[in-house]
Amino acid sequence: DIDTALSTLNGWRADFGSTQNQLES
């Protein structure tokens, strides 16, 4: 369950990270 939670959290972080890259571009 912890591994699944980490994967879920990393997915959300990745979305915010890609959005930030798009905004900076």
mmCIF file of all heavy atoms, coordinates in Angstrom:
data_MODEL
# 
_entry.id   MODEL 
# 
loop_
_atom_site.group_PDB 
_atom_site.id 
_atom_site.type_symbol 
_atom_site.label_atom_id 
_atom_site.label_alt_id 
_atom_site.label_comp_id 
_atom_site.label_asym_id 
_atom_site.label_entity_id 
_atom_site.label_seq_id 
_atom_site.pdbx_PDB_ins_code 
_atom_site.Cartn_x 
_atom_site.Cartn_y 
_atom_site.Cartn_z 
_atom_site.occupancy 
_atom_site.B_iso_or_equiv 
_atom_site.pdbx_formal_charge 
_atom_site.auth_seq_id 
_atom_site.auth_comp_id 
_atom_site.auth_asym_id 
_atom_site.auth_atom_id 
_atom_site.pdbx_PDB_model_num 
ATOM 1   N N   . ASP A 1 1  ? 0.828  -1.209 0.000   1.00 0.00 ? 1  ASP A N   1 
ATOM 2   C CA  . ASP A 1 1  ? 0.000  0.000  0.000   1.00 0.00 ? 1  ASP A CA  1 
ATOM 3   C C   . ASP A 1 1  ? 0.865  1.264  0.000   1.00 0.00 ? 1  ASP A C   1 
ATOM 4   O O   . ASP A 1 1  ? 0.522  2.265  -0.632  1.00 0.00 ? 1  ASP A O   1 
ATOM 5   C CB  . ASP A 1 1  ? -0.922 0.017  1.221   1.00 0.00 ? 1  ASP A CB  1 
ATOM 6   C CG  . ASP A 1 1  ? -2.032 -1.026 1.126   1.00 0.00 ? 1  ASP A CG  1 
ATOM 7   O OD1 . ASP A 1 1  ? -2.259 -1.530 0.007   1.00 0.00 ? 1  ASP A OD1 1 
ATOM 8   O OD2 . ASP A 1 1  ? -2.657 -1.330 2.164   1.00 0.00 ? 1  ASP A OD2 1 
ATOM 9   N N   . ILE A 1 2  ? 1.982  1.210  0.725   1.00 0.00 ? 2  ILE A N   1 
ATOM 10  C CA  . ILE A 1 2  ? 2.903  2.355  0.737   1.00 0.00 ? 2  ILE A CA  1 
ATOM 11  C C   . ILE A 1 2  ? 3.494  2.564  -0.650  1.00 0.00 ? 2  ILE A C   1 
ATOM 12  O O   . ILE A 1 2  ? 3.584  3.700  -1.144  1.00 0.00 ? 2  ILE A O   1 
ATOM 13  C CB  . ILE A 1 2  ? 4.027  2.144  1.771   1.00 0.00 ? 2  ILE A CB  1 
ATOM 14  C CG1 . ILE A 1 2  ? 3.451  2.159  3.194   1.00 0.00 ? 2  ILE A CG1 1 
ATOM 15  C CG2 . ILE A 1 2  ? 5.092  3.227  1.631   1.00 0.00 ? 2  ILE A CG2 1 
ATOM 16  C CD1 . ILE A 1 2  ? 2.873  3.490  3.606   1.00 0.00 ? 2  ILE A CD1 1 
ATOM 17  N N   . ASP A 1 3  ? 3.891  1.472  -1.313  1.00 0.00 ? 3  ASP A N   1 
ATOM 18  C CA  . ASP A 1 3  ? 4.439  1.595  -2.669  1.00 0.00 ? 3  ASP A CA  1 
ATOM 19  C C   . ASP A 1 3  ? 3.405  2.167  -3.634  1.00 0.00 ? 3  ASP A C   1 
ATOM 20  O O   . ASP A 1 3  ? 3.724  3.003  -4.485  1.00 0.00 ? 3  ASP A O   1 
ATOM 21  C CB  . ASP A 1 3  ? 4.914  0.230  -3.169  1.00 0.00 ? 3  ASP A CB  1 
ATOM 22  C CG  . ASP A 1 3  ? 6.166  -0.252 -2.452  1.00 0.00 ? 3  ASP A CG  1 
ATOM 23  O OD1 . ASP A 1 3  ? 6.902  0.618  -1.931  1.00 0.00 ? 3  ASP A OD1 1 
ATOM 24  O OD2 . ASP A 1 3  ? 6.401  -1.475 -2.400  1.00 0.00 ? 3  ASP A OD2 1 
ATOM 25  N N   . THR A 1 4  ? 2.165  1.724  -3.489  1.00 0.00 ? 4  THR A N   1 
ATOM 26  C CA  . THR A 1 4  ? 1.091  2.256  -4.338  1.00 0.00 ? 4  THR A CA  1 
ATOM 27  C C   . THR A 1 4  ? 0.869  3.738  -4.069  1.00 0.00 ? 4  THR A C   1 
ATOM 28  O O   . THR A 1 4  ? 0.671  4.537  -5.001  1.00 0.00 ? 4  THR A O   1 
ATOM 29  C CB  . THR A 1 4  ? -0.207 1.478  -4.088  1.00 0.00 ? 4  THR A CB  1 
ATOM 30  O OG1 . THR A 1 4  ? -0.001 0.097  -4.389  1.00 0.00 ? 4  THR A OG1 1 
ATOM 31  C CG2 . THR A 1 4  ? -1.340 2.022  -4.945  1.00 0.00 ? 4  THR A CG2 1 
ATOM 32  N N   . ALA A 1 5  ? 0.902  4.112  -2.784  1.00 0.00 ? 5  ALA A N   1 
ATOM 33  C CA  . ALA A 1 5  ? 0.723  5.520  -2.415  1.00 0.00 ? 5  ALA A CA  1 
ATOM 34  C C   . ALA A 1 5  ? 1.841  6.380  -2.999  1.00 0.00 ? 5  ALA A C   1 
ATOM 35  O O   . ALA A 1 5  ? 1.591  7.489  -3.497  1.00 0.00 ? 5  ALA A O   1 
ATOM 36  C CB  . ALA A 1 5  ? 0.680  5.659  -0.900  1.00 0.00 ? 5  ALA A CB  1 
ATOM 37  N N   . LEU A 1 6  ? 3.069  5.869  -2.952  1.00 0.00 ? 6  LEU A N   1 
ATOM 38  C CA  . LEU A 1 6  ? 4.199  6.604  -3.526  1.00 0.00 ? 6  LEU A CA  1 
ATOM 39  C C   . LEU A 1 6  ? 4.031  6.785  -5.040  1.00 0.00 ? 6  LEU A C   1 
ATOM 40  O O   . LEU A 1 6  ? 4.302  7.864  -5.579  1.00 0.00 ? 6  LEU A O   1 
ATOM 41  C CB  . LEU A 1 6  ? 5.513  5.878  -3.226  1.00 0.00 ? 6  LEU A CB  1 
ATOM 42  C CG  . LEU A 1 6  ? 6.064  6.043  -1.805  1.00 0.00 ? 6  LEU A CG  1 
ATOM 43  C CD1 . LEU A 1 6  ? 7.177  5.044  -1.539  1.00 0.00 ? 6  LEU A CD1 1 
ATOM 44  C CD2 . LEU A 1 6  ? 6.573  7.472  -1.603  1.00 0.00 ? 6  LEU A CD2 1 
ATOM 45  N N   . SER A 1 7  ? 3.577  5.736  -5.706  1.00 0.00 ? 7  SER A N   1 
ATOM 46  C CA  . SER A 1 7  ? 3.359  5.827  -7.162  1.00 0.00 ? 7  SER A CA  1 
ATOM 47  C C   . SER A 1 7  ? 2.269  6.846  -7.489  1.00 0.00 ? 7  SER A C   1 
ATOM 48  O O   . SER A 1 7  ? 2.403  7.641  -8.430  1.00 0.00 ? 7  SER A O   1 
ATOM 49  C CB  . SER A 1 7  ? 2.974  4.451  -7.723  1.00 0.00 ? 7  SER A CB  1 
ATOM 50  O OG  . SER A 1 7  ? 4.024  3.526  -7.564  1.00 0.00 ? 7  SER A OG  1 
ATOM 51  N N   . THR A 1 8  ? 1.196  6.836  -6.696  1.00 0.00 ? 8  THR A N   1 
ATOM 52  C CA  . THR A 1 8  ? 0.113  7.802  -6.907  1.00 0.00 ? 8  THR A CA  1 
ATOM 53  C C   . THR A 1 8  ? 0.605  9.222  -6.696  1.00 0.00 ? 8  THR A C   1 
ATOM 54  O O   . THR A 1 8  ? 0.333  10.131 -7.499  1.00 0.00 ? 8  THR A O   1 
ATOM 55  C CB  . THR A 1 8  ? -1.054 7.512  -5.952  1.00 0.00 ? 8  THR A CB  1 
ATOM 56  O OG1 . THR A 1 8  ? -1.529 6.187  -6.174  1.00 0.00 ? 8  THR A OG1 1 
ATOM 57  C CG2 . THR A 1 8  ? -2.187 8.500  -6.153  1.00 0.00 ? 8  THR A CG2 1 
ATOM 58  N N   . LEU A 1 9  ? 1.351  9.415  -5.616  1.00 0.00 ? 9  LEU A N   1 
ATOM 59  C CA  . LEU A 1 9  ? 1.861  10.743 -5.289  1.00 0.00 ? 9  LEU A CA  1 
ATOM 60  C C   . LEU A 1 9  ? 2.831  11.236 -6.362  1.00 0.00 ? 9  LEU A C   1 
ATOM 61  O O   . LEU A 1 9  ? 2.784  12.393 -6.783  1.00 0.00 ? 9  LEU A O   1 
ATOM 62  C CB  . LEU A 1 9  ? 2.551  10.700 -3.926  1.00 0.00 ? 9  LEU A CB  1 
ATOM 63  C CG  . LEU A 1 9  ? 2.866  12.032 -3.243  1.00 0.00 ? 9  LEU A CG  1 
ATOM 64  C CD1 . LEU A 1 9  ? 1.587  12.813 -2.963  1.00 0.00 ? 9  LEU A CD1 1 
ATOM 65  C CD2 . LEU A 1 9  ? 3.631  11.796 -1.947  1.00 0.00 ? 9  LEU A CD2 1 
ATOM 66  N N   . ASN A 1 10 ? 3.693  10.336 -6.826  1.00 0.00 ? 10 ASN A N   1 
ATOM 67  C CA  . ASN A 1 10 ? 4.660  10.711 -7.863  1.00 0.00 ? 10 ASN A CA  1 
ATOM 68  C C   . ASN A 1 10 ? 3.955  11.075 -9.172  1.00 0.00 ? 10 ASN A C   1 
ATOM 69  O O   . ASN A 1 10 ? 4.434  11.927 -9.930  1.00 0.00 ? 10 ASN A O   1 
ATOM 70  C CB  . ASN A 1 10 ? 5.654  9.577  -8.097  1.00 0.00 ? 10 ASN A CB  1 
ATOM 71  C CG  . ASN A 1 10 ? 6.635  9.428  -6.943  1.00 0.00 ? 10 ASN A CG  1 
ATOM 72  O OD1 . ASN A 1 10 ? 6.896  10.387 -6.216  1.00 0.00 ? 10 ASN A OD1 1 
ATOM 73  N ND2 . ASN A 1 10 ? 7.171  8.232  -6.760  1.00 0.00 ? 10 ASN A ND2 1 
ATOM 74  N N   . GLY A 1 11 ? 2.833  10.416 -9.443  1.00 0.00 ? 11 GLY A N   1 
ATOM 75  C CA  . GLY A 1 11 ? 2.059  10.762 -10.635 1.00 0.00 ? 11 GLY A CA  1 
ATOM 76  C C   . GLY A 1 11 ? 1.531  12.177 -10.569 1.00 0.00 ? 11 GLY A C   1 
ATOM 77  O O   . GLY A 1 11 ? 1.579  12.926 -11.555 1.00 0.00 ? 11 GLY A O   1 
ATOM 78  N N   . TRP A 1 12 ? 1.016  12.564 -9.396  1.00 0.00 ? 12 TRP A N   1 
ATOM 79  C CA  . TRP A 1 12 ? 0.518  13.934 -9.219  1.00 0.00 ? 12 TRP A CA  1 
ATOM 80  C C   . TRP A 1 12 ? 1.666  14.942 -9.300  1.00 0.00 ? 12 TRP A C   1 
ATOM 81  O O   . TRP A 1 12 ? 1.531  15.999 -9.918  1.00 0.00 ? 12 TRP A O   1 
ATOM 82  C CB  . TRP A 1 12 ? -0.194 14.073 -7.880  1.00 0.00 ? 12 TRP A CB  1 
ATOM 83  C CG  . TRP A 1 12 ? -1.495 13.321 -7.804  1.00 0.00 ? 12 TRP A CG  1 
ATOM 84  C CD1 . TRP A 1 12 ? -2.349 13.054 -8.828  1.00 0.00 ? 12 TRP A CD1 1 
ATOM 85  C CD2 . TRP A 1 12 ? -2.074 12.745 -6.631  1.00 0.00 ? 12 TRP A CD2 1 
ATOM 86  N NE1 . TRP A 1 12 ? -3.432 12.343 -8.368  1.00 0.00 ? 12 TRP A NE1 1 
ATOM 87  C CE2 . TRP A 1 12 ? -3.300 12.139 -7.016  1.00 0.00 ? 12 TRP A CE2 1 
ATOM 88  C CE3 . TRP A 1 12 ? -1.704 12.666 -5.294  1.00 0.00 ? 12 TRP A CE3 1 
ATOM 89  C CZ2 . TRP A 1 12 ? -4.137 11.479 -6.117  1.00 0.00 ? 12 TRP A CZ2 1 
ATOM 90  C CZ3 . TRP A 1 12 ? -2.531 12.017 -4.388  1.00 0.00 ? 12 TRP A CZ3 1 
ATOM 91  C CH2 . TRP A 1 12 ? -3.737 11.429 -4.806  1.00 0.00 ? 12 TRP A CH2 1 
ATOM 92  N N   . ARG A 1 13 ? 2.790  14.589 -8.700  1.00 0.00 ? 13 ARG A N   1 
ATOM 93  C CA  . ARG A 1 13 ? 3.950  15.481 -8.755  1.00 0.00 ? 13 ARG A CA  1 
ATOM 94  C C   . ARG A 1 13 ? 4.433  15.655 -10.188 1.00 0.00 ? 13 ARG A C   1 
ATOM 95  O O   . ARG A 1 13 ? 4.808  16.758 -10.606 1.00 0.00 ? 13 ARG A O   1 
ATOM 96  C CB  . ARG A 1 13 ? 5.092  14.939 -7.895  1.00 0.00 ? 13 ARG A CB  1 
ATOM 97  C CG  . ARG A 1 13 ? 4.860  15.002 -6.408  1.00 0.00 ? 13 ARG A CG  1 
ATOM 98  C CD  . ARG A 1 13 ? 6.123  14.652 -5.643  1.00 0.00 ? 13 ARG A CD  1 
ATOM 99  N NE  . ARG A 1 13 ? 7.137  15.687 -5.760  1.00 0.00 ? 13 ARG A NE  1 
ATOM 100 C CZ  . ARG A 1 13 ? 8.387  15.566 -5.311  1.00 0.00 ? 13 ARG A CZ  1 
ATOM 101 N NH1 . ARG A 1 13 ? 8.773  14.424 -4.749  1.00 0.00 ? 13 ARG A NH1 1 
ATOM 102 N NH2 . ARG A 1 13 ? 9.250  16.549 -5.446  1.00 0.00 ? 13 ARG A NH2 1 
ATOM 103 N N   . ALA A 1 14 ? 4.422  14.566 -10.936 1.00 0.00 ? 14 ALA A N   1 
ATOM 104 C CA  . ALA A 1 14 ? 4.858  14.631 -12.328 1.00 0.00 ? 14 ALA A CA  1 
ATOM 105 C C   . ALA A 1 14 ? 3.959  15.557 -13.141 1.00 0.00 ? 14 ALA A C   1 
ATOM 106 O O   . ALA A 1 14 ? 4.430  16.316 -13.999 1.00 0.00 ? 14 ALA A O   1 
ATOM 107 C CB  . ALA A 1 14 ? 4.864  13.231 -12.943 1.00 0.00 ? 14 ALA A CB  1 
ATOM 108 N N   . ASP A 1 15 ? 2.659  15.518 -12.858 1.00 0.00 ? 15 ASP A N   1 
ATOM 109 C CA  . ASP A 1 15 ? 1.733  16.398 -13.580 1.00 0.00 ? 15 ASP A CA  1 
ATOM 110 C C   . ASP A 1 15 ? 2.016  17.858 -13.255 1.00 0.00 ? 15 ASP A C   1 
ATOM 111 O O   . ASP A 1 15 ? 2.069  18.708 -14.155 1.00 0.00 ? 15 ASP A O   1 
ATOM 112 C CB  . ASP A 1 15 ? 0.288  16.055 -13.216 1.00 0.00 ? 15 ASP A CB  1 
ATOM 113 C CG  . ASP A 1 15 ? -0.704 17.021 -13.860 1.00 0.00 ? 15 ASP A CG  1 
ATOM 114 O OD1 . ASP A 1 15 ? -0.821 17.004 -15.092 1.00 0.00 ? 15 ASP A OD1 1 
ATOM 115 O OD2 . ASP A 1 15 ? -1.347 17.792 -13.122 1.00 0.00 ? 15 ASP A OD2 1 
ATOM 116 N N   . PHE A 1 16 ? 2.212  18.171 -11.986 1.00 0.00 ? 16 PHE A N   1 
ATOM 117 C CA  . PHE A 1 16 ? 2.535  19.549 -11.624 1.00 0.00 ? 16 PHE A CA  1 
ATOM 118 C C   . PHE A 1 16 ? 3.883  19.966 -12.211 1.00 0.00 ? 16 PHE A C   1 
ATOM 119 O O   . PHE A 1 16 ? 4.061  21.106 -12.643 1.00 0.00 ? 16 PHE A O   1 
ATOM 120 C CB  . PHE A 1 16 ? 2.559  19.712 -10.095 1.00 0.00 ? 16 PHE A CB  1 
ATOM 121 C CG  . PHE A 1 16 ? 1.206  19.994 -9.499  1.00 0.00 ? 16 PHE A CG  1 
ATOM 122 C CD1 . PHE A 1 16 ? 0.452  18.976 -8.937  1.00 0.00 ? 16 PHE A CD1 1 
ATOM 123 C CD2 . PHE A 1 16 ? 0.684  21.275 -9.507  1.00 0.00 ? 16 PHE A CD2 1 
ATOM 124 C CE1 . PHE A 1 16 ? -0.811 19.230 -8.392  1.00 0.00 ? 16 PHE A CE1 1 
ATOM 125 C CE2 . PHE A 1 16 ? -0.573 21.545 -8.955  1.00 0.00 ? 16 PHE A CE2 1 
ATOM 126 C CZ  . PHE A 1 16 ? -1.316 20.521 -8.401  1.00 0.00 ? 16 PHE A CZ  1 
ATOM 127 N N   . GLY A 1 17 ? 4.837  19.020 -12.243 1.00 0.00 ? 17 GLY A N   1 
ATOM 128 C CA  . GLY A 1 17 ? 6.148  19.328 -12.815 1.00 0.00 ? 17 GLY A CA  1 
ATOM 129 C C   . GLY A 1 17 ? 6.074  19.619 -14.306 1.00 0.00 ? 17 GLY A C   1 
ATOM 130 O O   . GLY A 1 17 ? 6.680  20.579 -14.795 1.00 0.00 ? 17 GLY A O   1 
ATOM 131 N N   . SER A 1 18 ? 5.315  18.801 -15.038 1.00 0.00 ? 18 SER A N   1 
ATOM 132 C CA  . SER A 1 18 ? 5.173  19.037 -16.480 1.00 0.00 ? 18 SER A CA  1 
ATOM 133 C C   . SER A 1 18 ? 4.415  20.327 -16.743 1.00 0.00 ? 18 SER A C   1 
ATOM 134 O O   . SER A 1 18 ? 4.720  21.058 -17.696 1.00 0.00 ? 18 SER A O   1 
ATOM 135 C CB  . SER A 1 18 ? 4.474  17.850 -17.143 1.00 0.00 ? 18 SER A CB  1 
ATOM 136 O OG  . SER A 1 18 ? 3.173  17.660 -16.615 1.00 0.00 ? 18 SER A OG  1 
ATOM 137 N N   . THR A 1 19 ? 3.430  20.631 -15.890 1.00 0.00 ? 19 THR A N   1 
ATOM 138 C CA  . THR A 1 19 ? 2.704  21.894 -16.032 1.00 0.00 ? 19 THR A CA  1 
ATOM 139 C C   . THR A 1 19 ? 3.636  23.070 -15.796 1.00 0.00 ? 19 THR A C   1 
ATOM 140 O O   . THR A 1 19 ? 3.587  24.077 -16.509 1.00 0.00 ? 19 THR A O   1 
ATOM 141 C CB  . THR A 1 19 ? 1.528  21.955 -15.043 1.00 0.00 ? 19 THR A CB  1 
ATOM 142 O OG1 . THR A 1 19 ? 0.640  20.865 -15.289 1.00 0.00 ? 19 THR A OG1 1 
ATOM 143 C CG2 . THR A 1 19 ? 0.760  23.258 -15.191 1.00 0.00 ? 19 THR A CG2 1 
ATOM 144 N N   . GLN A 1 20 ? 4.508  22.947 -14.807 1.00 0.00 ? 20 GLN A N   1 
ATOM 145 C CA  . GLN A 1 20 ? 5.476  24.016 -14.531 1.00 0.00 ? 20 GLN A CA  1 
ATOM 146 C C   . GLN A 1 20 ? 6.408  24.221 -15.719 1.00 0.00 ? 20 GLN A C   1 
ATOM 147 O O   . GLN A 1 20 ? 6.689  25.366 -16.117 1.00 0.00 ? 20 GLN A O   1 
ATOM 148 C CB  . GLN A 1 20 ? 6.287  23.694 -13.277 1.00 0.00 ? 20 GLN A CB  1 
ATOM 149 C CG  . GLN A 1 20 ? 7.308  24.777 -12.928 1.00 0.00 ? 20 GLN A CG  1 
ATOM 150 C CD  . GLN A 1 20 ? 8.081  24.473 -11.659 1.00 0.00 ? 20 GLN A CD  1 
ATOM 151 O OE1 . GLN A 1 20 ? 7.595  23.760 -10.784 1.00 0.00 ? 20 GLN A OE1 1 
ATOM 152 N NE2 . GLN A 1 20 ? 9.273  24.996 -11.545 1.00 0.00 ? 20 GLN A NE2 1 
ATOM 153 N N   . ASN A 1 21 ? 6.891  23.131 -16.314 1.00 0.00 ? 21 ASN A N   1 
ATOM 154 C CA  . ASN A 1 21 ? 7.752  23.251 -17.497 1.00 0.00 ? 21 ASN A CA  1 
ATOM 155 C C   . ASN A 1 21 ? 7.024  23.955 -18.634 1.00 0.00 ? 21 ASN A C   1 
ATOM 156 O O   . ASN A 1 21 ? 7.602  24.791 -19.345 1.00 0.00 ? 21 ASN A O   1 
ATOM 157 C CB  . ASN A 1 21 ? 8.219  21.868 -17.959 1.00 0.00 ? 21 ASN A CB  1 
ATOM 158 C CG  . ASN A 1 21 ? 9.234  21.252 -17.018 1.00 0.00 ? 21 ASN A CG  1 
ATOM 159 O OD1 . ASN A 1 21 ? 9.945  21.969 -16.318 1.00 0.00 ? 21 ASN A OD1 1 
ATOM 160 N ND2 . ASN A 1 21 ? 9.317  19.935 -17.002 1.00 0.00 ? 21 ASN A ND2 1 
ATOM 161 N N   . GLN A 1 22 ? 5.756  23.596 -18.819 1.00 0.00 ? 22 GLN A N   1 
ATOM 162 C CA  . GLN A 1 22 ? 4.953  24.225 -19.871 1.00 0.00 ? 22 GLN A CA  1 
ATOM 163 C C   . GLN A 1 22 ? 4.776  25.718 -19.602 1.00 0.00 ? 22 GLN A C   1 
ATOM 164 O O   . GLN A 1 22 ? 4.869  26.545 -20.521 1.00 0.00 ? 22 GLN A O   1 
ATOM 165 C CB  . GLN A 1 22 ? 3.591  23.534 -19.964 1.00 0.00 ? 22 GLN A CB  1 
ATOM 166 C CG  . GLN A 1 22 ? 2.755  23.960 -21.167 1.00 0.00 ? 22 GLN A CG  1 
ATOM 167 C CD  . GLN A 1 22 ? 1.436  23.210 -21.234 1.00 0.00 ? 22 GLN A CD  1 
ATOM 168 O OE1 . GLN A 1 22 ? 1.110  22.414 -20.341 1.00 0.00 ? 22 GLN A OE1 1 
ATOM 169 N NE2 . GLN A 1 22 ? 0.674  23.457 -22.276 1.00 0.00 ? 22 GLN A NE2 1 
ATOM 170 N N   . LEU A 1 23 ? 4.531  26.069 -18.348 1.00 0.00 ? 23 LEU A N   1 
ATOM 171 C CA  . LEU A 1 23 ? 4.367  27.475 -17.977 1.00 0.00 ? 23 LEU A CA  1 
ATOM 172 C C   . LEU A 1 23 ? 5.657  28.268 -18.197 1.00 0.00 ? 23 LEU A C   1 
ATOM 173 O O   . LEU A 1 23 ? 5.627  29.392 -18.701 1.00 0.00 ? 23 LEU A O   1 
ATOM 174 C CB  . LEU A 1 23 ? 3.936  27.579 -16.514 1.00 0.00 ? 23 LEU A CB  1 
ATOM 175 C CG  . LEU A 1 23 ? 2.507  27.149 -16.195 1.00 0.00 ? 23 LEU A CG  1 
ATOM 176 C CD1 . LEU A 1 23 ? 2.338  26.946 -14.686 1.00 0.00 ? 23 LEU A CD1 1 
ATOM 177 C CD2 . LEU A 1 23 ? 1.499  28.186 -16.698 1.00 0.00 ? 23 LEU A CD2 1 
ATOM 178 N N   . GLU A 1 24 ? 6.780  27.681 -17.827 1.00 0.00 ? 24 GLU A N   1 
ATOM 179 C CA  . GLU A 1 24 ? 8.053  28.369 -17.995 1.00 0.00 ? 24 GLU A CA  1 
ATOM 180 C C   . GLU A 1 24 ? 8.385  28.560 -19.469 1.00 0.00 ? 24 GLU A C   1 
ATOM 181 O O   . GLU A 1 24 ? 8.908  29.603 -19.875 1.00 0.00 ? 24 GLU A O   1 
ATOM 182 C CB  . GLU A 1 24 ? 9.165  27.592 -17.284 1.00 0.00 ? 24 GLU A CB  1 
ATOM 183 C CG  . GLU A 1 24 ? 9.043  27.652 -15.754 1.00 0.00 ? 24 GLU A CG  1 
ATOM 184 C CD  . GLU A 1 24 ? 10.042 26.753 -15.050 1.00 0.00 ? 24 GLU A CD  1 
ATOM 185 O OE1 . GLU A 1 24 ? 10.655 25.903 -15.737 1.00 0.00 ? 24 GLU A OE1 1 
ATOM 186 O OE2 . GLU A 1 24 ? 10.216 26.898 -13.830 1.00 0.00 ? 24 GLU A OE2 1 
ATOM 187 N N   . SER A 1 25 ? 8.071  27.555 -20.284 1.00 0.00 ? 25 SER A N   1 
ATOM 188 C CA  . SER A 1 25 ? 8.276  27.685 -21.726 1.00 0.00 ? 25 SER A CA  1 
ATOM 189 C C   . SER A 1 25 ? 7.389  28.773 -22.309 1.00 0.00 ? 25 SER A C   1 
ATOM 190 O O   . SER A 1 25 ? 7.831  29.601 -23.118 1.00 0.00 ? 25 SER A O   1 
ATOM 191 C CB  . SER A 1 25 ? 7.983  26.348 -22.415 1.00 0.00 ? 25 SER A CB  1 
ATOM 192 O OG  . SER A 1 25 ? 8.073  26.469 -23.826 1.00 0.00 ? 25 SER A OG  1 
# 
